[in-house]
Amino acid sequence: MSRRATILAATVTAAVVAVIAVVVTATVTRGSDDKTTGNHHNKPSHSAPSDPYAQTPWRLAVVNFLKAANHPQDDKYRTWLPLDPDIHKDFIYTPRTPADPGYNDRTEDDPHGALVNLSDLTPTKQRAVLNSLTRDSTVIPDSLTVTQPNGRDSGGWSFTFTIRTTGGKQLHGMAIGSGDANGGQLRRLSYDTP
């Protein structure tokens, strides 16, 4: 190779290295402000619409009830599910096994709902109802998403929803009651599957 060709090759190589250095430096510098690299790990996603019902009192009533029912020993769940027969007569839920209260009383019209009077149940049977409602403390209350608000009537509310379990299962359900995030009366909390 001639001296002239060697100098030309060295100049081209130096220019290529300089261009690569400029590109790498520009990428690192711009990447730190997340505007050009697409690196948005610390920024909230604005692509998913927010849940318009997330802060409604009736959704929060069910969420707070489920949180309390996950820890029944402190009896906070009774804020929405009182056991006084003068206050709360009937409750509809989804029994899972033949040993659960109301399992054999389900109807063709409502195969996922069993009507029980909680104040008539023994503490063991009441715990079976709570276990069914919380799926043995595996439902994630904050994952409850309202799918269809059915409105309010006579001070009450009803809606359908989805909720996830810690095992990743998604349940579909229905809630009917009255009150708000601080207390009230649930009349139904049922799922589409036992």
Protein backbone atom coordinates (compact mmCIF):
# COMPACT_ATOMS: atom_id res chain seq x y z
CA MET A 1 0.00 0.00 0.00
CA SER A 2 1.33 3.43 -0.90
CA ARG A 3 2.03 6.11 1.63
CA ARG A 4 -0.84 8.15 0.25
CA ALA A 5 -3.29 5.20 0.63
CA THR A 6 -2.11 4.60 4.19
CA ILE A 7 -2.71 8.24 5.14
CA LEU A 8 -6.13 8.19 3.48
CA ALA A 9 -7.10 4.98 5.34
CA ALA A 10 -5.93 6.42 8.66
CA THR A 11 -7.89 9.64 8.05
CA VAL A 12 -11.08 7.72 7.19
CA THR A 13 -10.68 5.50 10.25
CA ALA A 14 -10.14 8.54 12.51
CA ALA A 15 -13.23 10.22 11.03
CA VAL A 16 -15.37 7.12 11.60
CA VAL A 17 -14.16 6.84 15.20
CA ALA A 18 -14.90 10.55 15.75
CA VAL A 19 -18.43 10.18 14.35
CA ILE A 20 -19.08 7.15 16.58
CA ALA A 21 -17.79 9.05 19.60
CA VAL A 22 -20.08 12.00 18.83
CA VAL A 23 -23.11 9.70 18.38
CA VAL A 24 -22.42 7.79 21.62
CA THR A 25 -21.88 11.02 23.56
CA ALA A 26 -25.06 12.56 22.17
CA THR A 27 -27.07 9.44 22.99
CA VAL A 28 -25.83 9.30 26.58
CA THR A 29 -26.40 13.02 27.10
CA ARG A 30 -29.90 12.99 25.62
CA GLY A 31 -30.76 9.72 27.36
CA SER A 32 -30.42 11.35 30.74
CA ASP A 33 -33.48 13.50 30.15
CA ASP A 34 -35.61 10.61 28.75
CA LYS A 35 -36.86 12.70 25.83
CA THR A 36 -35.21 10.93 22.94
CA THR A 37 -34.34 7.46 24.15
CA GLY A 38 -37.81 6.21 24.99
CA ASN A 39 -36.59 5.39 28.49
CA HIS A 40 -39.67 6.11 30.57
CA HIS A 41 -39.18 3.67 33.45
CA ASN A 42 -39.74 6.31 36.12
CA LYS A 43 -42.60 8.08 34.43
CA PRO A 44 -46.26 7.08 34.73
CA SER A 45 -47.89 5.63 31.65
CA HIS A 46 -50.51 7.87 30.13
CA SER A 47 -51.62 5.33 27.55
CA ALA A 48 -54.06 3.45 29.82
CA PRO A 49 -57.23 5.33 30.75
CA SER A 50 -57.75 5.85 34.46
CA ASP A 51 -60.59 4.05 36.21
CA PRO A 52 -63.41 6.63 36.47
CA TYR A 53 -64.93 4.69 39.38
CA ALA A 54 -61.75 4.21 41.43
CA GLN A 55 -62.73 6.73 44.10
CA THR A 56 -66.48 6.22 44.18
CA PRO A 57 -67.83 5.59 47.69
CA TRP A 58 -69.62 2.38 46.65
CA ARG A 59 -66.51 0.83 45.06
CA LEU A 60 -64.46 1.78 48.10
CA ALA A 61 -67.10 0.21 50.36
CA VAL A 62 -66.48 -3.18 48.72
CA VAL A 63 -62.70 -2.70 48.61
CA ASN A 64 -62.59 -1.76 52.29
CA PHE A 65 -64.91 -4.61 53.23
CA LEU A 66 -62.67 -7.13 51.44
CA LYS A 67 -59.59 -5.70 53.13
CA ALA A 68 -61.30 -6.09 56.50
CA ALA A 69 -62.61 -9.57 55.64
CA ASN A 70 -59.04 -10.66 54.88
CA HIS A 71 -58.43 -10.12 58.62
CA PRO A 72 -61.70 -11.24 60.24
CA GLN A 73 -60.22 -11.55 63.72
CA ASP A 74 -60.53 -7.77 64.23
CA ASP A 75 -64.25 -7.78 63.22
CA LYS A 76 -63.87 -4.63 61.08
CA TYR A 77 -65.72 -6.40 58.26
CA ARG A 78 -68.89 -5.99 60.36
CA THR A 79 -68.84 -2.30 59.44
CA TRP A 80 -70.36 -3.41 56.09
CA LEU A 81 -71.71 -6.83 57.09
CA PRO A 82 -73.30 -6.47 60.53
CA LEU A 83 -74.53 -9.63 62.23
CA ASP A 84 -77.39 -7.98 64.11
CA PRO A 85 -80.58 -9.65 62.78
CA ASP A 86 -82.49 -6.37 63.15
CA ILE A 87 -80.06 -4.60 60.81
CA HIS A 88 -78.98 -7.24 58.36
CA LYS A 89 -81.31 -10.04 57.42
CA ASP A 90 -80.10 -11.70 54.23
CA PHE A 91 -76.90 -11.81 52.27
CA ILE A 92 -76.13 -13.37 48.88
CA TYR A 93 -72.71 -14.82 48.18
CA THR A 94 -71.07 -17.60 46.12
CA PRO A 95 -70.48 -20.78 48.12
CA ARG A 96 -67.61 -22.94 46.87
CA THR A 97 -68.18 -26.36 48.43
CA PRO A 98 -71.19 -28.40 49.57
CA ALA A 99 -70.12 -27.69 53.16
CA ASP A 100 -70.57 -23.93 52.67
CA PRO A 101 -73.81 -22.35 53.93
CA GLY A 102 -76.50 -22.18 51.25
CA TYR A 103 -74.63 -24.35 48.73
CA ASN A 104 -77.63 -26.63 48.16
CA ASP A 105 -80.09 -23.71 48.11
CA ARG A 106 -78.84 -22.11 44.89
CA THR A 107 -81.36 -21.85 42.06
CA GLU A 108 -81.23 -22.13 38.28
CA ASP A 109 -82.02 -18.42 38.10
CA ASP A 110 -79.00 -17.59 40.27
CA PRO A 111 -76.56 -20.54 40.29
CA HIS A 112 -73.75 -18.40 41.72
CA GLY A 113 -75.73 -16.86 44.55
CA ALA A 114 -76.80 -18.42 47.81
CA LEU A 115 -79.05 -16.54 50.19
CA VAL A 116 -77.99 -16.82 53.84
CA ASN A 117 -78.90 -15.06 57.06
CA LEU A 118 -75.50 -14.44 58.62
CA SER A 119 -76.84 -13.83 62.11
CA ASP A 120 -78.30 -17.37 62.10
CA LEU A 121 -74.95 -18.97 61.24
CA THR A 122 -72.42 -20.36 63.68
CA PRO A 123 -69.05 -18.59 63.84
CA THR A 124 -67.55 -21.46 61.82
CA LYS A 125 -70.15 -21.04 59.06
CA GLN A 126 -69.69 -17.25 59.11
CA ARG A 127 -65.96 -17.83 58.61
CA ALA A 128 -66.76 -20.13 55.65
CA VAL A 129 -68.72 -17.27 54.05
CA LEU A 130 -65.80 -14.86 54.58
CA ASN A 131 -63.36 -17.42 53.17
CA SER A 132 -65.52 -17.70 50.07
CA LEU A 133 -65.74 -13.91 49.70
CA THR A 134 -61.99 -13.44 50.04
CA ARG A 135 -61.08 -16.71 48.31
CA ASP A 136 -59.16 -17.67 51.43
CA SER A 137 -57.59 -14.20 51.66
CA THR A 138 -56.23 -14.34 48.10
CA VAL A 139 -58.37 -11.63 46.47
CA ILE A 140 -56.52 -8.37 46.01
CA PRO A 141 -59.09 -5.75 47.10
CA ASP A 142 -57.38 -2.81 45.37
CA SER A 143 -57.52 -4.66 42.04
CA LEU A 144 -61.33 -4.37 42.00
CA THR A 145 -62.35 -2.68 38.76
CA VAL A 146 -65.95 -1.63 38.14
CA THR A 147 -67.15 -2.99 34.80
CA GLN A 148 -70.76 -1.81 34.91
CA PRO A 149 -72.24 0.61 37.42
CA ASN A 150 -75.91 -0.24 37.68
CA GLY A 151 -76.88 2.89 39.51
CA ARG A 152 -78.33 3.87 42.82
CA ASP A 153 -81.84 3.41 44.09
CA SER A 154 -83.38 4.12 47.49
CA GLY A 155 -79.97 4.96 48.88
CA GLY A 156 -78.42 1.74 47.61
CA TRP A 157 -76.05 0.82 44.79
CA SER A 158 -75.14 -2.11 42.60
CA PHE A 159 -72.36 -2.82 40.11
CA THR A 160 -70.47 -5.59 38.40
CA PHE A 161 -66.72 -5.84 38.65
CA THR A 162 -63.54 -7.81 38.08
CA ILE A 163 -60.99 -8.59 40.75
CA ARG A 164 -57.70 -10.50 40.76
CA THR A 165 -56.32 -13.07 43.16
CA THR A 166 -52.73 -13.44 44.30
CA GLY A 167 -52.55 -16.49 42.03
CA GLY A 168 -53.33 -14.34 38.99
CA LYS A 169 -56.93 -15.52 38.50
CA GLN A 170 -59.45 -12.90 37.46
CA LEU A 171 -62.93 -13.18 38.95
CA HIS A 172 -66.08 -11.46 37.73
CA GLY A 173 -68.59 -10.43 40.34
CA MET A 174 -71.56 -8.40 41.46
CA ALA A 175 -71.97 -6.17 44.49
CA ILE A 176 -75.19 -4.75 45.91
CA GLY A 177 -75.43 -2.67 49.04
CA SER A 178 -75.73 0.73 50.61
CA GLY A 179 -73.38 3.04 52.42
CA ASP A 180 -69.88 4.16 51.57
CA ALA A 181 -66.18 3.58 52.21
CA ASN A 182 -66.66 4.07 55.96
CA GLY A 183 -69.55 1.67 56.49
CA GLY A 184 -72.87 0.49 55.26
CA GLN A 185 -74.62 -2.73 54.44
CA LEU A 186 -73.63 -5.27 51.81
CA ARG A 187 -76.56 -7.31 50.55
CA ARG A 188 -74.71 -9.22 47.84
CA LEU A 189 -71.11 -9.96 46.95
CA SER A 190 -70.90 -12.85 44.54
CA TYR A 191 -68.59 -14.20 41.85
CA ASP A 192 -69.26 -15.93 38.55
CA THR A 193 -67.43 -19.07 39.65
CA PRO A 194 -67.42 -20.99 42.92
